[in-house]
Structure formats: C-alpha cells, structure tokens
Amino acid sequence: MKRNYYIVSLIMLTFFVISFLTNIIGPLMPDIIKGFHLSLTLVALLPFAFFIAYGVVSIPTGMLVEKYKEKKIMITGFIVAFFGALLLALVPNYLTAVISLFLIGSGMAMLQVVINPLLRTSGGEEHYSFNSVMAQLIFGIASFISPNVYSYFVLHLNNSENAQGSFLSIFSSFVPADLPWISLYWVFTVICLLMILIILFSKFPKVELNTDEKAGALQTHIMLFKKPVVILFFIGIFCYVGTEQGVANWISQFLYTYHGYNPQTTGANAVAYFWGLMTAGGVIGLLLLKIMDQRKVLISFTLLALVSLTLALYGSAKISLIAFPLVGFFASVMYPGIFSLALNSVKEHHGSFAGILVTGIIGGAVIPLIIGWLGDHFGLRAGMLFIYLTMGYILSIGFWARPLITNKTIDLFKREKNIS
C-alpha cells in the first residue's frame, strides 16, 4: 500500500505509550521490595507476570486482527491495560500487582502484534529497518521520561509543602503514604484512557495488509514453527528482551546493593539514562544503517555492549554508574535489527511470523526471574552473569542471518546498493 503517514505517526505514539508503561518496572524494584517485603525471586515475578502475557496473547491476537481489524484491537489493548493499571492503583498489594502487570502486559502485547507488521506495510518495506530504529528512538525517549516522572512523584508526594496547593495534592489524598510509587499507576490509568479516546475518535483509514502481512490460521503458525529460521529468530527476540529487561530491571537494585546509591534518585536516574542512551544509540544506528549492512551493525554494537556490561558488574561505583547506561546505548539496534532481519528472511506470512516474534518477548519474563533466583542464592552480581549467554546468542545472529532483503545502503562512492 501507499505510505500512510497518519498510521506511522499513530504507531510511533503507541510505541511511546508502550514504553512509558513497560519500562518503569526497573526503577520501581527497590521500592516494591521494601514496600511489599519481597525477596529477589518474588519481586522478579512481577516482570515475569508482565512479559509472560506476551506468550499468552500474542499469537491469538495475530489471528484476531484479521477479523476485527487494527482499530478495534488497539482499543481493546488499551482497555485491558486501563483496567490493569486501575486495579493496582485502587488495591495496592503484591497479589494485585501480579494481576495488574499481567493485564497491562496483555494489553501491550496486543498493541505490539498490531503495530509491527503495520509499520512495515504503512511505512514501506524498503524503509522498515529505518522506521524500526525510529520507533526504538521513540521507545527510548519514553523510557527516559518515565523514571524521572517516578522520581518526581515519590520525592514530592512525601513532601507536604511541595504537594500542597499543586496537582500533587490530588494524588496525596488517595495514594498510601508508604507507597508513593502507586501514584504512577493512576497516571498510567489516565494515559490509557486518553489513548482509547484518541483512537476511538480519530479518523482511522482503512488499512489493507498484503496477503503475506496477514496473520494466518493455526496451521500457518505450525508450518512456520517447523522452519529452523523461525525458531532461531524467535530465540533471538527472547534473548534480546531478556537482556534488555535483565539489565534495566536490576540496575537500581544492583547500584543500591553493591554501591549504596539511593534507588529513588541515583538509581532511577541510571535507569533513565540507560533508556536515554538507548535513544542516542538509535540515532547512531539510523545513520549506520545507511552505510553499513545491518548484520555488521548488530555484531559491532553487541560486542561493545558486552564490554560495557563487564565494566558495570566489576567496575568501581563511578564506573558502574556510567557503564550500565552504556549497555543501553549499544543495545539500541538489537531489537529492530533482529526483528527486521527476521521478517526479511522469509518470503510470506509476515503477519503470523510477527506474532511468533512478539511472543518471544516472554524472554523479559524468564531472564529477570532467573537472575532474581540466582541473586537470592549466589548474589545479584553472579545472577546478572547470565546475561552473557543471551548477549552471546544475539552476537551470533549477525554471523548466521541470511536475509532475502537487505537494508538499503549508500556506499562512499555514491553507488546505491539495494538488493530489495
């Protein structure tokens, strides 16, 4: 179909909201541990509940898009997330937190299944790599903002002088004094409601996906799972999201445990800069994709991410504070790189394949939980060593991937190279 800038803009806004709601979990970890008196394993069940939802609803959503179309699925996704955020805001305890994060994760999974193939179609296949990294930029910006919003609320809600006479007084009246971070879930409730209204009252053009963009029946998914390349890229997404969340979710707790940094200020800022530098890395990635093969970009950035992780885990307090955000910088091209290499490595059934790939986001459930369990038994630093395995797999993708369509590049001699 012809490039549709309205759909692309709506997708970018949706990416912003998904990130804002998703990546606040890491900064909240120390507060949740303290507020609900949890072990590392129990607190890790919260991101597990969020990301396991992707494994439950992604493939069914891919099938439902064909029948109910993009607009209805997007509205449904935000409605589910709205009730999830409202539940935890109204009844803050560990059980409702698990249920709430599962519901929010379900809503986000529905949205991701819709917007990824939609971005490839509405933005143009040959521009998909570029648009994917652009979406990652938006994702990073929202992730940088949300920890700062968290710091603002928890610091000022506990200060009666700052809260009095401002909009914070609205929250201070029904947010538990010992759980100021719950105020964020009231914010999430409002955001989801606004997105429902935006999509509901917007002029949503009819989008016709190509046959190969549509999600197929169960038989189609079974057929795809029989292809080794599908399994390999599924594992790739699993490892990437596990890496991303395995680092982001434990940064604040690691800095508090080993270096004594305040999780509500320094820890939250470190997580914010993790996502902020991921945005900056995305800018560099956009430029590099115009002159380099995507596989080479993936290999280079993954190697540098491994170096940064090593410095973060074994460096001094100051080095660790710098190195953790640098991991985010070098991880910036991994998700769009793996996703676009995957979709460009099969000839058909891209909608169904996208649903399978999004299901791989359950890596964000499994890996942080493994780290938490290892952390309870051997220490958090030892637990985070598990990330070397997931990064190692991501590194391997750059060597074995054989896409049918490569990203469009321009060489130094002004000769355009485009296999697409």
Protein backbone atom coordinates (compact mmCIF):
# COMPACT_ATOMS: atom_id res chain seq x y z
CA MET A 1 0.00 0.00 0.00
CA LYS A 2 0.96 3.65 -0.38
CA ARG A 3 2.94 5.09 2.53
CA ASN A 4 0.47 6.30 5.13
CA TYR A 5 1.99 8.92 7.41
CA TYR A 6 -1.05 9.05 9.69
CA ILE A 7 -0.69 5.37 10.54
CA VAL A 8 3.06 5.75 11.01
CA SER A 9 2.51 8.68 13.42
CA LEU A 10 -0.11 6.74 15.37
CA ILE A 11 2.25 3.78 15.60
CA MET A 12 5.04 6.00 16.93
CA LEU A 13 2.70 7.45 19.59
CA THR A 14 1.69 3.92 20.56
CA PHE A 15 5.35 2.91 20.88
CA PHE A 16 5.84 5.88 23.23
CA VAL A 17 2.98 4.80 25.49
CA ILE A 18 4.02 1.13 25.46
CA SER A 19 7.50 2.12 26.59
CA PHE A 20 6.25 4.56 29.22
CA LEU A 21 4.12 1.86 30.83
CA THR A 22 6.57 -1.03 30.36
CA ASN A 23 9.98 0.21 31.40
CA ILE A 24 9.07 1.76 34.75
CA ILE A 25 9.30 -1.67 36.40
CA GLY A 26 13.09 -1.49 36.85
CA PRO A 27 13.19 1.79 38.83
CA LEU A 28 10.32 0.54 41.00
CA MET A 29 12.03 -2.73 42.01
CA PRO A 30 13.76 -1.46 45.19
CA ASP A 31 10.58 0.32 46.36
CA ILE A 32 8.45 -2.74 45.65
CA ILE A 33 10.89 -4.98 47.56
CA LYS A 34 10.75 -2.62 50.52
CA GLY A 35 7.02 -1.86 50.38
CA PHE A 36 5.83 -5.47 49.99
CA HIS A 37 8.78 -7.11 51.85
CA LEU A 38 9.86 -9.36 48.97
CA SER A 39 12.86 -11.50 48.06
CA LEU A 40 14.62 -11.00 44.72
CA THR A 41 12.80 -14.03 43.31
CA LEU A 42 9.36 -12.82 44.39
CA VAL A 43 9.87 -9.32 43.05
CA ALA A 44 11.11 -10.83 39.78
CA LEU A 45 7.70 -12.48 39.42
CA LEU A 46 6.27 -9.03 38.68
CA PRO A 47 8.10 -8.50 35.38
CA PHE A 48 7.51 -12.23 34.80
CA ALA A 49 3.74 -11.64 35.04
CA PHE A 50 4.03 -8.69 32.66
CA PHE A 51 6.07 -10.36 29.95
CA ILE A 52 4.55 -13.84 30.17
CA ALA A 53 1.37 -12.17 28.92
CA TYR A 54 3.10 -11.83 25.56
CA GLY A 55 3.35 -15.59 25.37
CA VAL A 56 -0.33 -16.00 26.17
CA VAL A 57 -1.99 -13.42 23.91
CA SER A 58 0.38 -12.62 21.03
CA ILE A 59 -0.46 -15.44 18.61
CA PRO A 60 -4.24 -15.34 19.32
CA THR A 61 -4.15 -11.58 18.76
CA GLY A 62 -2.44 -12.07 15.42
CA MET A 63 -5.38 -14.25 14.37
CA LEU A 64 -7.99 -11.80 15.69
CA VAL A 65 -6.55 -8.82 13.79
CA GLU A 66 -7.72 -10.39 10.53
CA LYS A 67 -11.33 -10.49 11.76
CA TYR A 68 -11.64 -7.35 13.90
CA LYS A 69 -9.04 -5.08 12.23
CA GLU A 70 -6.37 -2.85 13.73
CA LYS A 71 -8.53 -0.14 15.32
CA LYS A 72 -10.65 -2.48 17.45
CA ILE A 73 -7.63 -4.49 18.59
CA MET A 74 -5.72 -1.33 19.56
CA ILE A 75 -8.69 -0.02 21.55
CA THR A 76 -9.11 -3.40 23.25
CA GLY A 77 -5.42 -3.46 24.14
CA PHE A 78 -5.63 -0.08 25.85
CA ILE A 79 -8.85 -1.04 27.65
CA VAL A 80 -7.17 -4.14 29.12
CA ALA A 81 -4.17 -2.05 30.19
CA PHE A 82 -6.51 0.59 31.66
CA PHE A 83 -8.17 -1.92 33.98
CA GLY A 84 -4.80 -3.40 34.91
CA ALA A 85 -3.41 -0.01 35.98
CA LEU A 86 -6.63 0.91 37.78
CA LEU A 87 -6.60 -2.35 39.77
CA LEU A 88 -3.18 -1.73 41.29
CA ALA A 89 -3.96 1.95 41.88
CA LEU A 90 -7.11 1.10 43.84
CA VAL A 91 -5.89 -2.03 45.68
CA PRO A 92 -2.09 -1.88 46.13
CA ASN A 93 -0.70 -5.21 47.31
CA TYR A 94 1.55 -7.94 45.94
CA LEU A 95 -1.26 -10.13 44.54
CA THR A 96 -2.96 -7.28 42.71
CA ALA A 97 0.44 -6.14 41.43
CA VAL A 98 0.96 -9.54 39.79
CA ILE A 99 -2.55 -9.49 38.25
CA SER A 100 -2.22 -5.84 37.25
CA LEU A 101 1.08 -6.32 35.45
CA PHE A 102 -0.29 -9.38 33.64
CA LEU A 103 -3.24 -7.32 32.38
CA ILE A 104 -1.04 -4.39 31.35
CA GLY A 105 1.35 -6.80 29.63
CA SER A 106 -1.58 -8.40 27.78
CA GLY A 107 -2.67 -5.01 26.51
CA MET A 108 0.84 -4.10 25.40
CA ALA A 109 1.24 -7.46 23.65
CA MET A 110 -1.96 -6.88 21.66
CA LEU A 111 -0.66 -3.49 20.58
CA GLN A 112 2.75 -4.80 19.54
CA VAL A 113 1.23 -7.54 17.40
CA VAL A 114 -0.76 -4.90 15.51
CA ILE A 115 1.82 -2.15 15.09
CA ASN A 116 4.90 -4.11 13.98
CA PRO A 117 3.59 -5.53 10.66
CA LEU A 118 1.53 -2.35 10.24
CA LEU A 119 4.69 -0.27 10.40
CA ARG A 120 6.34 -2.44 7.75
CA THR A 121 3.33 -2.03 5.44
CA SER A 122 2.34 1.58 6.03
CA GLY A 123 5.92 2.87 6.07
CA GLY A 124 7.15 0.89 3.08
CA GLU A 125 9.06 -2.39 3.13
CA GLU A 126 12.32 -0.84 1.96
CA HIS A 127 12.15 1.69 4.81
CA TYR A 128 11.26 -0.84 7.50
CA SER A 129 14.73 -1.07 9.03
CA PHE A 130 14.90 2.73 9.26
CA ASN A 131 11.37 3.06 10.69
CA SER A 132 12.04 0.28 13.20
CA VAL A 133 15.04 2.12 14.61
CA MET A 134 12.99 5.35 14.62
CA ALA A 135 10.38 3.54 16.70
CA GLN A 136 13.18 2.47 19.02
CA LEU A 137 14.11 6.14 19.42
CA ILE A 138 10.57 6.96 20.49
CA PHE A 139 10.67 3.94 22.78
CA GLY A 140 13.87 5.20 24.39
CA ILE A 141 12.57 8.74 24.88
CA ALA A 142 9.53 7.47 26.77
CA SER A 143 11.68 5.15 28.84
CA PHE A 144 13.95 8.07 29.76
CA ILE A 145 10.97 10.18 30.84
CA SER A 146 9.14 7.61 32.99
CA PRO A 147 11.88 7.11 35.68
CA ASN A 148 12.12 10.89 36.03
CA VAL A 149 8.34 11.09 36.48
CA TYR A 150 8.70 8.37 39.13
CA SER A 151 11.41 10.32 40.98
CA TYR A 152 9.33 13.49 40.87
CA PHE A 153 6.26 11.82 42.35
CA VAL A 154 7.95 9.82 45.11
CA LEU A 155 10.06 12.76 46.25
CA HIS A 156 7.34 15.40 46.19
CA LEU A 157 4.40 13.35 47.41
CA ASN A 158 6.31 12.74 50.65
CA ASN A 159 6.91 16.47 50.99
CA SER A 160 3.67 18.03 52.18
CA GLU A 161 4.87 21.55 51.35
CA ASN A 162 5.53 20.66 47.71
CA ALA A 163 2.32 18.66 47.37
CA GLN A 164 0.06 21.24 48.97
CA GLY A 165 -1.61 23.58 46.51
CA SER A 166 -0.41 21.68 43.42
CA PHE A 167 -1.85 18.90 41.30
CA LEU A 168 0.09 16.51 43.54
CA SER A 169 -2.45 17.20 46.28
CA ILE A 170 -4.94 15.22 44.18
CA PHE A 171 -2.72 12.13 44.43
CA SER A 172 -1.69 12.64 48.05
CA SER A 173 -5.30 12.23 49.17
CA PHE A 174 -5.67 8.63 47.94
CA VAL A 175 -2.12 7.30 47.46
CA PRO A 176 -0.77 5.41 50.52
CA ALA A 177 1.91 7.48 52.25
CA ASP A 178 4.26 4.49 52.42
CA LEU A 179 3.71 3.59 48.75
CA PRO A 180 4.09 6.86 46.82
CA TRP A 181 5.07 4.99 43.66
CA ILE A 182 1.47 3.81 43.35
CA SER A 183 0.70 7.31 42.05
CA LEU A 184 2.31 6.25 38.76
CA TYR A 185 -0.44 3.72 38.18
CA TRP A 186 -3.02 6.49 38.44
CA VAL A 187 -1.01 8.29 35.77
CA PHE A 188 -0.99 5.13 33.65
CA THR A 189 -4.77 4.84 34.05
CA VAL A 190 -5.25 8.35 32.67
CA ILE A 191 -2.81 7.74 29.79
CA CYS A 192 -4.62 4.57 28.71
CA LEU A 193 -7.97 6.37 28.83
CA LEU A 194 -6.61 9.19 26.66
CA MET A 195 -5.26 6.72 24.11
CA ILE A 196 -8.63 4.96 23.95
CA LEU A 197 -10.29 8.29 23.17
CA ILE A 198 -7.64 9.29 20.61
CA ILE A 199 -8.02 6.06 18.67
CA LEU A 200 -11.81 5.99 19.07
CA PHE A 201 -12.39 9.50 17.72
CA SER A 202 -9.58 9.63 15.18
CA LYS A 203 -10.25 9.15 11.50
CA PHE A 204 -8.67 5.74 11.17
CA PRO A 205 -8.07 4.98 7.50
CA LYS A 206 -8.73 1.52 6.22
CA VAL A 207 -5.50 -0.39 6.03
CA GLU A 208 -5.26 -3.30 3.65
CA LEU A 209 -2.41 -5.61 4.52
CA ASN A 210 -0.86 -7.68 1.77
CA THR A 211 -1.66 -11.38 1.92
CA ASP A 212 1.77 -12.13 3.37
CA GLU A 213 1.31 -9.46 6.06
CA LYS A 214 -1.84 -11.03 7.48
CA ALA A 215 -1.84 -13.44 10.39
CA GLY A 216 -2.87 -16.85 9.23
CA ALA A 217 -4.66 -19.75 10.85
CA LEU A 218 -3.19 -22.08 13.45
CA GLN A 219 -1.91 -24.30 10.64
CA THR A 220 0.14 -21.39 9.30
CA HIS A 221 1.80 -20.87 12.68
CA ILE A 222 2.54 -24.59 12.98
CA MET A 223 4.07 -24.55 9.49
CA LEU A 224 6.25 -21.56 10.41
CA PHE A 225 7.42 -23.20 13.64
CA LYS A 226 8.72 -26.09 11.55
CA LYS A 227 11.19 -23.73 9.85
CA PRO A 228 14.54 -23.53 11.68
CA VAL A 229 14.98 -19.85 10.78
CA VAL A 230 11.71 -19.00 12.57
CA ILE A 231 12.82 -20.77 15.74
CA LEU A 232 16.24 -19.13 15.60
CA PHE A 233 14.82 -15.61 15.32
CA PHE A 234 12.21 -16.36 17.98
CA ILE A 235 15.07 -17.25 20.32
CA GLY A 236 16.78 -14.04 19.22
CA ILE A 237 13.86 -11.86 20.33
CA PHE A 238 13.61 -13.95 23.51
CA CYS A 239 17.27 -13.29 24.28
CA TYR A 240 17.12 -9.59 23.41
CA VAL A 241 14.14 -8.74 25.61
CA GLY A 242 15.58 -10.92 28.37
CA THR A 243 18.85 -8.99 28.07
CA GLU A 244 17.17 -5.58 27.99
CA GLN A 245 14.91 -6.25 30.96
CA GLY A 246 17.52 -8.31 32.79
CA VAL A 247 19.76 -5.23 32.84
CA ALA A 248 17.16 -2.46 33.20
CA ASN A 249 15.16 -4.18 35.94
CA TRP A 250 18.19 -4.80 38.15
CA ILE A 251 20.28 -1.65 37.63
CA SER A 252 18.79 0.27 40.54
CA GLN A 253 18.92 -2.70 42.92
CA PHE A 254 22.49 -3.52 41.88
CA LEU A 255 23.69 0.04 42.47
CA TYR A 256 21.95 0.07 45.86
CA THR A 257 23.27 -3.35 46.93
CA TYR A 258 26.91 -3.00 45.87
CA HIS A 259 27.49 0.75 45.86
CA GLY A 260 24.87 2.16 48.24
CA TYR A 261 23.26 4.54 45.72
CA ASN A 262 19.76 5.88 46.54
CA PRO A 263 17.29 3.97 44.32
CA GLN A 264 14.76 6.83 44.25
CA THR A 265 17.27 9.31 42.83
CA THR A 266 20.60 7.95 41.60
CA GLY A 267 19.22 4.50 40.80
CA ALA A 268 16.22 5.92 38.94
CA ASN A 269 18.49 8.32 37.04
CA ALA A 270 20.76 5.45 36.00
CA VAL A 271 17.78 3.57 34.58
CA ALA A 272 16.58 6.75 32.85
CA TYR A 273 19.99 7.20 31.24
CA PHE A 274 20.02 3.54 30.24
CA TRP A 275 16.93 4.26 28.13
CA GLY A 276 18.11 7.75 27.21
CA LEU A 277 21.38 6.46 25.81
CA MET A 278 19.43 3.75 24.03
CA THR A 279 17.72 6.63 22.23
CA ALA A 280 21.09 8.21 21.39
CA GLY A 281 22.37 4.85 20.18
CA GLY A 282 19.31 4.61 17.98
CA VAL A 283 20.30 7.86 16.27
CA ILE A 284 23.75 6.45 15.54
CA GLY A 285 22.10 3.25 14.38
CA LEU A 286 19.90 5.16 11.92
CA LEU A 287 22.99 6.70 10.35
CA LEU A 288 24.96 3.46 10.28
CA LEU A 289 22.10 1.60 8.57
CA LYS A 290 22.51 3.96 5.63
CA ILE A 291 26.13 2.96 5.07
CA MET A 292 26.53 -0.48 6.66
CA ASP A 293 24.91 -3.88 6.44
CA GLN A 294 22.60 -4.38 9.39
CA ARG A 295 24.37 -7.57 10.41
CA LYS A 296 27.68 -5.75 10.82
CA VAL A 297 25.99 -3.06 12.91
CA LEU A 298 24.47 -5.75 15.13
CA ILE A 299 27.81 -7.51 15.65
CA SER A 300 29.71 -4.31 16.47
CA PHE A 301 27.17 -2.95 18.92
CA THR A 302 26.72 -6.31 20.69
CA LEU A 303 30.46 -6.66 21.28
CA LEU A 304 30.58 -3.17 22.79
CA ALA A 305 27.54 -3.97 24.93
CA LEU A 306 29.39 -6.98 26.35
CA VAL A 307 32.36 -4.79 27.26
CA SER A 308 30.07 -2.24 28.94
CA LEU A 309 28.27 -4.95 30.93
CA THR A 310 31.60 -6.27 32.21
CA LEU A 311 32.62 -2.80 33.40
CA ALA A 312 29.21 -2.29 35.01
CA LEU A 313 29.39 -5.52 37.01
CA TYR A 314 33.03 -5.37 38.07
CA GLY A 315 33.99 -1.70 37.91
CA SER A 316 34.03 0.82 40.75
CA ALA A 317 30.88 2.68 41.83
CA LYS A 318 31.52 5.56 39.41
CA ILE A 319 32.39 3.25 36.53
CA SER A 320 29.33 1.10 37.18
CA LEU A 321 27.13 4.19 37.19
CA ILE A 322 28.40 5.08 33.70
CA ALA A 323 28.72 1.59 32.23
CA PHE A 324 25.14 0.44 32.90
CA PRO A 325 23.63 3.23 30.75
CA LEU A 326 26.21 2.46 28.06
CA VAL A 327 24.77 -1.05 27.81
CA GLY A 328 21.53 0.64 26.77
CA PHE A 329 23.38 2.70 24.16
CA PHE A 330 24.84 -0.37 22.49
CA ALA A 331 21.62 -2.39 22.84
CA SER A 332 19.72 0.22 20.84
CA VAL A 333 19.98 -1.54 17.47
CA MET A 334 19.37 -5.08 18.71
CA TYR A 335 15.57 -5.31 18.75
CA PRO A 336 14.88 -3.54 15.43
CA GLY A 337 17.85 -5.33 13.93
CA ILE A 338 16.68 -8.80 14.92
CA PHE A 339 13.04 -8.08 14.06
CA SER A 340 13.72 -6.65 10.60
CA LEU A 341 16.30 -9.36 9.78
CA ALA A 342 13.68 -11.92 10.79
CA LEU A 343 10.82 -10.54 8.69
CA ASN A 344 13.14 -10.01 5.74
CA SER A 345 14.34 -13.64 5.97
CA VAL A 346 11.02 -15.24 4.98
CA LYS A 347 9.03 -14.82 1.76
CA GLU A 348 5.49 -14.91 3.16
CA HIS A 349 3.24 -14.99 6.22
CA HIS A 350 4.87 -11.95 7.79
CA GLY A 351 1.83 -11.23 9.96
CA SER A 352 1.91 -14.68 11.51
CA PHE A 353 5.69 -14.52 11.85
CA ALA A 354 5.39 -11.15 13.62
CA GLY A 355 3.00 -12.74 16.12
CA ILE A 356 5.52 -15.51 16.78
CA LEU A 357 8.34 -12.99 17.19
CA VAL A 358 6.34 -10.85 19.61
CA THR A 359 5.68 -14.00 21.63
CA GLY A 360 9.45 -14.13 22.12
CA ILE A 361 9.09 -11.07 24.33
CA ILE A 362 8.40 -13.58 27.12
CA GLY A 363 12.18 -13.52 27.44
CA GLY A 364 11.55 -10.41 29.52
CA ALA A 365 9.63 -12.64 31.91
CA VAL A 366 12.05 -15.54 32.14
CA ILE A 367 15.50 -13.92 32.22
CA PRO A 368 14.88 -11.42 35.08
CA LEU A 369 13.31 -14.25 37.07
CA ILE A 370 16.39 -16.43 36.53
CA ILE A 371 18.59 -13.52 37.59
CA GLY A 372 16.48 -12.98 40.71
CA TRP A 373 16.64 -16.65 41.66
CA LEU A 374 20.40 -16.78 41.11
CA GLY A 375 20.71 -13.50 43.02
CA ASP A 376 18.95 -14.94 46.07
CA HIS A 377 21.32 -17.91 46.10
CA PHE A 378 24.64 -16.53 44.85
CA GLY A 379 24.32 -12.75 44.88
CA LEU A 380 22.90 -10.33 42.33
CA ARG A 381 26.23 -9.83 40.53
CA ALA A 382 26.52 -13.57 39.92
CA GLY A 383 22.90 -13.67 38.78
CA MET A 384 23.49 -10.98 36.18
CA LEU A 385 26.30 -13.02 34.64
CA PHE A 386 23.52 -14.98 32.96
CA ILE A 387 23.14 -12.05 30.56
CA TYR A 388 26.42 -13.05 28.91
CA LEU A 389 24.63 -16.09 27.48
CA THR A 390 21.76 -14.09 25.99
CA MET A 391 24.10 -11.45 24.54
CA GLY A 392 26.25 -14.21 23.09
CA TYR A 393 23.28 -15.56 21.15
CA ILE A 394 22.41 -12.08 19.85
CA LEU A 395 26.01 -11.74 18.67
CA SER A 396 25.71 -14.99 16.74
CA ILE A 397 22.73 -13.68 14.73
CA GLY A 398 24.98 -11.22 12.95
CA PHE A 399 27.02 -14.15 11.61
CA TRP A 400 24.32 -16.62 10.55
CA ALA A 401 21.44 -14.36 9.41
CA ARG A 402 20.80 -14.52 5.65
CA PRO A 403 18.00 -12.01 4.86
CA LEU A 404 16.27 -12.16 1.47
CA ILE A 405 16.02 -8.36 1.52
CA THR A 406 18.90 -6.34 2.94
CA ASN A 407 18.69 -2.79 4.22
CA LYS A 408 19.19 -0.11 1.57
CA THR A 409 22.68 1.42 1.84
CA ILE A 410 24.71 4.10 0.10
CA ASP A 411 28.42 3.49 -0.37
CA LEU A 412 31.17 6.10 -0.20
CA PHE A 413 31.41 6.19 -3.99
CA LYS A 414 27.78 7.28 -4.41
CA ARG A 415 26.75 3.93 -5.79
CA GLU A 416 23.38 2.91 -4.39
CA LYS A 417 23.18 -0.68 -3.25
CA ASN A 418 19.76 -2.21 -2.85
CA ILE A 419 19.06 -5.87 -3.09
CA SER A 420 15.40 -5.21 -2.36
